[in-house]
Each structure stands twice: as structure tokens, then as C-alpha cells.
PDB file of all heavy atoms in Angstrom:
ATOM      1  N   THR A   1       1.942  -4.403  10.703  1.00  0.00           N
ATOM      2  CA  THR A   1       1.545  -3.534   9.589  1.00  0.00           C
ATOM      3  C   THR A   1       0.252  -2.703   9.852  1.00  0.00           C
ATOM      4  O   THR A   1      -0.346  -2.176   8.914  1.00  0.00           O
ATOM      5  CB  THR A   1       1.291  -4.407   8.321  1.00  0.00           C
ATOM      6  OG1 THR A   1       0.267  -5.384   8.588  1.00  0.00           O
ATOM      7  CG2 THR A   1       2.551  -5.117   7.917  1.00  0.00           C
ATOM      8  N   SER A   2      -0.195  -2.745  11.107  1.00  0.00           N
ATOM      9  CA  SER A   2      -1.384  -2.002  11.504  1.00  0.00           C
ATOM     10  C   SER A   2      -1.004  -0.851  12.441  1.00  0.00           C
ATOM     11  O   SER A   2      -0.068  -0.948  13.177  1.00  0.00           O
ATOM     12  CB  SER A   2      -2.381  -2.917  12.167  1.00  0.00           C
ATOM     13  OG  SER A   2      -2.757  -3.995  11.365  1.00  0.00           O
ATOM     14  N   ARG A   3      -1.778   0.211  12.350  1.00  0.00           N
ATOM     15  CA  ARG A   3      -1.510   1.324  13.201  1.00  0.00           C
ATOM     16  C   ARG A   3      -2.756   2.150  13.470  1.00  0.00           C
ATOM     17  O   ARG A   3      -3.746   2.020  12.659  1.00  0.00           O
ATOM     18  CB  ARG A   3      -0.468   2.274  12.673  1.00  0.00           C
ATOM     19  CG  ARG A   3      -0.922   3.148  11.513  1.00  0.00           C
ATOM     20  CD  ARG A   3       0.157   4.033  10.915  1.00  0.00           C
ATOM     21  NE  ARG A   3      -0.239   4.987   9.916  1.00  0.00           N
ATOM     22  CZ  ARG A   3      -0.433   4.666   8.651  1.00  0.00           C
ATOM     23  NH1 ARG A   3      -0.113   3.436   8.173  1.00  0.00           N
ATOM     24  NH2 ARG A   3      -0.836   5.561   7.800  1.00  0.00           N
ATOM     25  N   ILE A   4      -2.819   2.794  14.617  1.00  0.00           N
ATOM     26  CA  ILE A   4      -3.989   3.736  14.880  1.00  0.00           C
ATOM     27  C   ILE A   4      -3.381   5.141  15.019  1.00  0.00           C
ATOM     28  O   ILE A   4      -2.350   5.325  15.675  1.00  0.00           O
ATOM     29  CB  ILE A   4      -4.751   3.370  16.120  1.00  0.00           C
ATOM     30  CG1 ILE A   4      -5.872   4.279  16.358  1.00  0.00           C
ATOM     31  CG2 ILE A   4      -3.854   3.191  17.392  1.00  0.00           C
ATOM     32  CD1 ILE A   4      -6.889   3.772  17.409  1.00  0.00           C
ATOM     33  N   GLU A   5      -4.021   6.144  14.351  1.00  0.00           N
ATOM     34  CA  GLU A   5      -3.586   7.515  14.419  1.00  0.00           C
ATOM     35  C   GLU A   5      -4.671   8.358  15.017  1.00  0.00           C
ATOM     36  O   GLU A   5      -5.849   8.075  14.850  1.00  0.00           O
ATOM     37  CB  GLU A   5      -3.245   8.011  12.996  1.00  0.00           C
ATOM     38  CG  GLU A   5      -2.080   7.320  12.360  1.00  0.00           C
ATOM     39  CD  GLU A   5      -1.669   7.931  10.985  1.00  0.00           C
ATOM     40  OE1 GLU A   5      -2.454   8.753  10.487  1.00  0.00           O
ATOM     41  OE2 GLU A   5      -0.624   7.554  10.493  1.00  0.00           O
ATOM     42  N   PHE A   6      -4.250   9.379  15.777  1.00  0.00           N
ATOM     43  CA  PHE A   6      -5.130  10.186  16.611  1.00  0.00           C
ATOM     44  C   PHE A   6      -5.230  11.622  16.060  1.00  0.00           C
ATOM     45  O   PHE A   6      -4.228  12.209  15.650  1.00  0.00           O
ATOM     46  CB  PHE A   6      -4.747  10.220  18.069  1.00  0.00           C
ATOM     47  CG  PHE A   6      -4.472   8.861  18.638  1.00  0.00           C
ATOM     48  CD1 PHE A   6      -3.208   8.418  18.883  1.00  0.00           C
ATOM     49  CD2 PHE A   6      -5.565   8.007  18.849  1.00  0.00           C
ATOM     50  CE1 PHE A   6      -2.985   7.138  19.411  1.00  0.00           C
ATOM     51  CE2 PHE A   6      -5.328   6.710  19.313  1.00  0.00           C
ATOM     52  CZ  PHE A   6      -4.056   6.253  19.661  1.00  0.00           C
ATOM     53  N   THR A   7      -6.451  12.184  16.052  1.00  0.00           N
ATOM     54  CA  THR A   7      -6.664  13.573  15.742  1.00  0.00           C
ATOM     55  C   THR A   7      -7.061  14.307  16.994  1.00  0.00           C
ATOM     56  O   THR A   7      -7.950  13.863  17.770  1.00  0.00           O
ATOM     57  CB  THR A   7      -7.800  13.727  14.695  1.00  0.00           C
ATOM     58  OG1 THR A   7      -7.452  12.986  13.472  1.00  0.00           O
ATOM     59  CG2 THR A   7      -8.053  15.193  14.363  1.00  0.00           C
ATOM     60  N   TYR A   8      -6.437  15.464  17.286  1.00  0.00           N
ATOM     61  CA  TYR A   8      -6.678  16.196  18.459  1.00  0.00           C
ATOM     62  C   TYR A   8      -7.239  17.528  18.230  1.00  0.00           C
ATOM     63  O   TYR A   8      -7.063  18.183  17.191  1.00  0.00           O
ATOM     64  CB  TYR A   8      -5.310  16.433  19.205  1.00  0.00           C
ATOM     65  CG  TYR A   8      -4.635  15.148  19.757  1.00  0.00           C
ATOM     66  CD1 TYR A   8      -3.826  14.395  18.930  1.00  0.00           C
ATOM     67  CD2 TYR A   8      -4.784  14.815  21.079  1.00  0.00           C
ATOM     68  CE1 TYR A   8      -3.193  13.275  19.432  1.00  0.00           C
ATOM     69  CE2 TYR A   8      -4.155  13.703  21.581  1.00  0.00           C
ATOM     70  CZ  TYR A   8      -3.359  12.957  20.728  1.00  0.00           C
ATOM     71  OH  TYR A   8      -2.718  11.822  21.247  1.00  0.00           O
ATOM     72  N   GLU A   9      -7.997  18.044  19.255  1.00  0.00           N
ATOM     73  CA  GLU A   9      -8.251  19.467  19.411  1.00  0.00           C
ATOM     74  C   GLU A   9      -7.694  19.811  20.820  1.00  0.00           C
ATOM     75  O   GLU A   9      -8.300  19.452  21.839  1.00  0.00           O
ATOM     76  CB  GLU A   9      -9.759  19.774  19.335  1.00  0.00           C
ATOM     77  CG  GLU A   9     -10.314  19.687  17.914  1.00  0.00           C
ATOM     78  CD  GLU A   9     -11.790  20.163  17.833  1.00  0.00           C
ATOM     79  OE1 GLU A   9     -12.306  20.550  18.930  1.00  0.00           O
ATOM     80  OE2 GLU A   9     -12.316  20.093  16.755  1.00  0.00           O
ATOM     81  N   GLY A  10      -6.570  20.522  20.845  1.00  0.00           N
ATOM     82  CA  GLY A  10      -5.853  20.729  22.086  1.00  0.00           C
ATOM     83  C   GLY A  10      -5.402  19.322  22.615  1.00  0.00           C
ATOM     84  O   GLY A  10      -4.685  18.631  21.852  1.00  0.00           O
ATOM     85  N   ASP A  11      -5.836  18.977  23.836  1.00  0.00           N
ATOM     86  CA  ASP A  11      -5.421  17.682  24.346  1.00  0.00           C
ATOM     87  C   ASP A  11      -6.555  16.663  24.171  1.00  0.00           C
ATOM     88  O   ASP A  11      -6.345  15.445  24.481  1.00  0.00           O
ATOM     89  CB  ASP A  11      -5.086  17.837  25.864  1.00  0.00           C
ATOM     90  CG  ASP A  11      -3.761  18.521  26.117  1.00  0.00           C
ATOM     91  OD1 ASP A  11      -2.899  18.377  25.225  1.00  0.00           O
ATOM     92  OD2 ASP A  11      -3.602  19.148  27.142  1.00  0.00           O
ATOM     93  N   LYS A  12      -7.695  17.066  23.636  1.00  0.00           N
ATOM     94  CA  LYS A  12      -8.766  16.159  23.435  1.00  0.00           C
ATOM     95  C   LYS A  12      -8.650  15.370  22.141  1.00  0.00           C
ATOM     96  O   LYS A  12      -8.375  15.974  21.078  1.00  0.00           O
ATOM     97  CB  LYS A  12     -10.078  16.929  23.462  1.00  0.00           C
ATOM     98  CG  LYS A  12     -10.498  17.434  24.776  1.00  0.00           C
ATOM     99  CD  LYS A  12     -11.874  18.128  24.702  1.00  0.00           C
ATOM    100  CE  LYS A  12     -12.299  18.680  26.015  1.00  0.00           C
ATOM    101  NZ  LYS A  12     -13.642  19.373  25.893  1.00  0.00           N
ATOM    102  N   ILE A  13      -8.873  14.096  22.169  1.00  0.00           N
ATOM    103  CA  ILE A  13      -8.946  13.339  20.926  1.00  0.00           C
ATOM    104  C   ILE A  13     -10.339  13.475  20.369  1.00  0.00           C
ATOM    105  O   ILE A  13     -11.371  13.281  21.051  1.00  0.00           O
ATOM    106  CB  ILE A  13      -8.648  11.841  21.202  1.00  0.00           C
ATOM    107  CG1 ILE A  13      -7.176  11.693  21.607  1.00  0.00           C
ATOM    108  CG2 ILE A  13      -8.979  10.983  19.984  1.00  0.00           C
ATOM    109  CD1 ILE A  13      -6.809  10.253  21.888  1.00  0.00           C
ATOM    110  N   THR A  14     -10.395  13.779  19.067  1.00  0.00           N
ATOM    111  CA  THR A  14     -11.705  13.922  18.403  1.00  0.00           C
ATOM    112  C   THR A  14     -12.000  12.802  17.465  1.00  0.00           C
ATOM    113  O   THR A  14     -13.180  12.513  17.127  1.00  0.00           O
ATOM    114  CB  THR A  14     -11.790  15.257  17.623  1.00  0.00           C
ATOM    115  OG1 THR A  14     -10.693  15.293  16.695  1.00  0.00           O
ATOM    116  CG2 THR A  14     -11.681  16.458  18.577  1.00  0.00           C
ATOM    117  N   ALA A  15     -10.924  12.105  16.986  1.00  0.00           N
ATOM    118  CA  ALA A  15     -11.094  10.955  16.106  1.00  0.00           C
ATOM    119  C   ALA A  15      -9.900  10.107  16.109  1.00  0.00           C
ATOM    120  O   ALA A  15      -8.801  10.567  16.486  1.00  0.00           O
ATOM    121  CB  ALA A  15     -11.399  11.472  14.665  1.00  0.00           C
ATOM    122  N   SER A  16     -10.088   8.866  15.730  1.00  0.00           N
ATOM    123  CA  SER A  16      -8.900   7.930  15.562  1.00  0.00           C
ATOM    124  C   SER A  16      -9.184   7.060  14.277  1.00  0.00           C
ATOM    125  O   SER A  16     -10.342   6.756  14.049  1.00  0.00           O
ATOM    126  CB  SER A  16      -8.750   6.986  16.751  1.00  0.00           C
ATOM    127  OG  SER A  16      -9.843   6.273  17.049  1.00  0.00           O
ATOM    128  N   ASN A  17      -8.112   6.843  13.603  1.00  0.00           N
ATOM    129  CA  ASN A  17      -8.205   6.067  12.334  1.00  0.00           C
ATOM    130  C   ASN A  17      -7.265   4.884  12.420  1.00  0.00           C
ATOM    131  O   ASN A  17      -6.116   4.994  12.841  1.00  0.00           O
ATOM    132  CB  ASN A  17      -7.791   6.920  11.141  1.00  0.00           C
ATOM    133  CG  ASN A  17      -8.738   8.135  10.928  1.00  0.00           C
ATOM    134  OD1 ASN A  17      -9.890   8.035  11.164  1.00  0.00           O
ATOM    135  ND2 ASN A  17      -8.146   9.280  10.560  1.00  0.00           N
ATOM    136  N   VAL A  18      -7.829   3.701  12.082  1.00  0.00           N
ATOM    137  CA  VAL A  18      -7.004   2.457  12.032  1.00  0.00           C
ATOM    138  C   VAL A  18      -6.612   2.181  10.568  1.00  0.00           C
ATOM    139  O   VAL A  18      -7.545   2.176   9.650  1.00  0.00           O
ATOM    140  CB  VAL A  18      -7.779   1.302  12.636  1.00  0.00           C
ATOM    141  CG1 VAL A  18      -7.035  -0.018  12.407  1.00  0.00           C
ATOM    142  CG2 VAL A  18      -8.035   1.545  14.083  1.00  0.00           C
ATOM    143  N   TYR A  19      -5.355   1.921  10.351  1.00  0.00           N
ATOM    144  CA  TYR A  19      -4.837   1.591   9.039  1.00  0.00           C
ATOM    145  C   TYR A  19      -4.228   0.173   9.062  1.00  0.00           C
ATOM    146  O   TYR A  19      -3.539  -0.179  10.026  1.00  0.00           O
ATOM    147  CB  TYR A  19      -3.788   2.597   8.575  1.00  0.00           C
ATOM    148  CG  TYR A  19      -4.208   3.999   8.358  1.00  0.00           C
ATOM    149  CD1 TYR A  19      -4.371   4.868   9.435  1.00  0.00           C
ATOM    150  CD2 TYR A  19      -4.645   4.420   7.102  1.00  0.00           C
ATOM    151  CE1 TYR A  19      -4.827   6.152   9.256  1.00  0.00           C
ATOM    152  CE2 TYR A  19      -5.102   5.733   6.953  1.00  0.00           C
ATOM    153  CZ  TYR A  19      -5.164   6.579   7.992  1.00  0.00           C
ATOM    154  OH  TYR A  19      -5.673   7.887   7.843  1.00  0.00           O
ATOM    155  N   VAL A  20      -4.485  -0.568   8.011  1.00  0.00           N
ATOM    156  CA  VAL A  20      -3.863  -1.895   7.840  1.00  0.00           C
ATOM    157  C   VAL A  20      -3.193  -1.918   6.495  1.00  0.00           C
ATOM    158  O   VAL A  20      -3.808  -1.616   5.457  1.00  0.00           O
ATOM    159  CB  VAL A  20      -4.888  -3.027   7.892  1.00  0.00           C
ATOM    160  CG1 VAL A  20      -4.227  -4.407   7.737  1.00  0.00           C
ATOM    161  CG2 VAL A  20      -5.703  -2.973   9.244  1.00  0.00           C
ATOM    162  N   ASN A  21      -1.871  -2.154   6.507  1.00  0.00           N
ATOM    163  CA  ASN A  21      -1.070  -2.018   5.273  1.00  0.00           C
ATOM    164  C   ASN A  21      -1.273  -0.706   4.589  1.00  0.00           C
ATOM    165  O   ASN A  21      -1.419  -0.623   3.326  1.00  0.00           O
ATOM    166  CB  ASN A  21      -1.398  -3.157   4.322  1.00  0.00           C
ATOM    167  CG  ASN A  21      -0.974  -4.567   4.838  1.00  0.00           C
ATOM    168  OD1 ASN A  21       0.065  -4.669   5.410  1.00  0.00           O
ATOM    169  ND2 ASN A  21      -1.876  -5.527   4.712  1.00  0.00           N
ATOM    170  N   ASN A  22      -1.303   0.369   5.437  1.00  0.00           N
ATOM    171  CA  ASN A  22      -1.488   1.737   4.993  1.00  0.00           C
ATOM    172  C   ASN A  22      -2.822   2.057   4.289  1.00  0.00           C
ATOM    173  O   ASN A  22      -3.012   3.091   3.640  1.00  0.00           O
ATOM    174  CB  ASN A  22      -0.337   2.175   3.992  1.00  0.00           C
ATOM    175  CG  ASN A  22       0.992   2.246   4.713  1.00  0.00           C
ATOM    176  OD1 ASN A  22       1.055   2.768   5.824  1.00  0.00           O
ATOM    177  ND2 ASN A  22       2.051   1.732   4.097  1.00  0.00           N
ATOM    178  N   VAL A  23      -3.772   1.161   4.464  1.00  0.00           N
ATOM    179  CA  VAL A  23      -5.152   1.347   3.921  1.00  0.00           C
ATOM    180  C   VAL A  23      -6.100   1.635   5.091  1.00  0.00           C
ATOM    181  O   VAL A  23      -6.118   0.810   6.058  1.00  0.00           O
ATOM    182  CB  VAL A  23      -5.601   0.159   3.092  1.00  0.00           C
ATOM    183  CG1 VAL A  23      -7.022   0.339   2.639  1.00  0.00           C
ATOM    184  CG2 VAL A  23      -4.645  -0.036   1.899  1.00  0.00           C
ATOM    185  N   LEU A  24      -6.862   2.696   5.055  1.00  0.00           N
ATOM    186  CA  LEU A  24      -7.770   2.968   6.092  1.00  0.00           C
ATOM    187  C   LEU A  24      -8.796   1.851   6.324  1.00  0.00           C
ATOM    188  O   LEU A  24      -9.468   1.444   5.364  1.00  0.00           O
ATOM    189  CB  LEU A  24      -8.502   4.328   5.785  1.00  0.00           C
ATOM    190  CG  LEU A  24      -9.545   4.743   6.855  1.00  0.00           C
ATOM    191  CD1 LEU A  24      -8.819   5.064   8.168  1.00  0.00           C
ATOM    192  CD2 LEU A  24     -10.332   5.968   6.339  1.00  0.00           C
ATOM    193  N   SER A  25      -8.862   1.299   7.575  1.00  0.00           N
ATOM    194  CA  SER A  25      -9.724   0.186   7.872  1.00  0.00           C
ATOM    195  C   SER A  25     -10.929   0.608   8.685  1.00  0.00           C
ATOM    196  O   SER A  25     -12.002   0.091   8.434  1.00  0.00           O
ATOM    197  CB  SER A  25      -8.942  -0.844   8.655  1.00  0.00           C
ATOM    198  OG  SER A  25      -9.763  -1.912   9.098  1.00  0.00           O
ATOM    199  N   SER A  26     -10.810   1.531   9.610  1.00  0.00           N
ATOM    200  CA  SER A  26     -11.913   1.975  10.386  1.00  0.00           C
ATOM    201  C   SER A  26     -11.662   3.322  11.002  1.00  0.00           C
ATOM    202  O   SER A  26     -10.500   3.709  11.158  1.00  0.00           O
ATOM    203  CB  SER A  26     -12.243   0.953  11.529  1.00  0.00           C
ATOM    204  OG  SER A  26     -11.208   0.883  12.425  1.00  0.00           O
ATOM    205  N   THR A  27     -12.706   4.025  11.397  1.00  0.00           N
ATOM    206  CA  THR A  27     -12.622   5.309  12.072  1.00  0.00           C
ATOM    207  C   THR A  27     -13.472   5.297  13.338  1.00  0.00           C
ATOM    208  O   THR A  27     -14.485   4.529  13.398  1.00  0.00           O
ATOM    209  CB  THR A  27     -13.062   6.466  11.180  1.00  0.00           C
ATOM    210  OG1 THR A  27     -14.443   6.282  10.888  1.00  0.00           O
ATOM    211  CG2 THR A  27     -12.275   6.472   9.877  1.00  0.00           C
ATOM    212  N   SER A  28     -13.117   6.122  14.335  1.00  0.00           N
ATOM    213  CA  SER A  28     -13.890   6.240  15.534  1.00  0.00           C
ATOM    214  C   SER A  28     -14.050   7.740  15.847  1.00  0.00           C
ATOM    215  O   SER A  28     -13.103   8.488  15.674  1.00  0.00           O
ATOM    216  CB  SER A  28     -13.272   5.490  16.761  1.00  0.00           C
ATOM    217  OG  SER A  28     -13.225   4.090  16.506  1.00  0.00           O
ATOM    218  N   ASP A  29     -15.199   8.145  16.309  1.00  0.00           N
ATOM    219  CA  ASP A  29     -15.448   9.503  16.747  1.00  0.00           C
ATOM    220  C   ASP A  29     -15.729   9.635  18.244  1.00  0.00           C
ATOM    221  O   ASP A  29     -16.301   8.695  18.849  1.00  0.00           O
ATOM    222  CB  ASP A  29     -16.700  10.014  15.986  1.00  0.00           C
ATOM    223  CG  ASP A  29     -16.525  10.061  14.505  1.00  0.00           C
ATOM    224  OD1 ASP A  29     -15.397  10.419  14.099  1.00  0.00           O
ATOM    225  OD2 ASP A  29     -17.484   9.684  13.740  1.00  0.00           O
ATOM    226  N   TYR A  30     -15.285  10.726  18.848  1.00  0.00           N
ATOM    227  CA  TYR A  30     -15.326  10.908  20.284  1.00  0.00           C
ATOM    228  C   TYR A  30     -16.180  12.054  20.639  1.00  0.00           C
ATOM    229  O   TYR A  30     -16.078  13.151  20.046  1.00  0.00           O
ATOM    230  CB  TYR A  30     -13.930  11.128  20.789  1.00  0.00           C
ATOM    231  CG  TYR A  30     -12.950   9.984  20.466  1.00  0.00           C
ATOM    232  CD1 TYR A  30     -12.416   9.873  19.168  1.00  0.00           C
ATOM    233  CD2 TYR A  30     -12.625   9.035  21.368  1.00  0.00           C
ATOM    234  CE1 TYR A  30     -11.584   8.792  18.871  1.00  0.00           C
ATOM    235  CE2 TYR A  30     -11.800   7.989  21.076  1.00  0.00           C
ATOM    236  CZ  TYR A  30     -11.242   7.850  19.816  1.00  0.00           C
ATOM    237  OH  TYR A  30     -10.433   6.858  19.482  1.00  0.00           O
ATOM    238  N   THR A  31     -17.119  11.896  21.635  1.00  0.00           N
ATOM    239  CA  THR A  31     -18.064  12.909  22.068  1.00  0.00           C
ATOM    240  C   THR A  31     -17.761  13.300  23.499  1.00  0.00           C
ATOM    241  O   THR A  31     -17.541  12.405  24.339  1.00  0.00           O
ATOM    242  CB  THR A  31     -19.516  12.423  21.885  1.00  0.00           C
ATOM    243  OG1 THR A  31     -19.728  12.053  20.503  1.00  0.00           O
ATOM    244  CG2 THR A  31     -20.457  13.553  22.231  1.00  0.00           C
TER     245      THR A  31
END
């Protein structure tokens, strides 16, 4: 019931979000 989703700019990942039971649990930012 957990998943991580990725946000891109081109091929670069700029952020990722972790969801548990479809509820946002944590976010990560990439530099």
C-alpha cells in the first residue's frame, strides 16, 4: 500500500513523494 512517485524536468528527477495508503507521507528534493 506504499508507493513513491517521481517528478521530472526532462530526464532529471526534481522531487519524489512517498504515499502510504494514498496519503502523502514524505517528500524529497534533488539538487
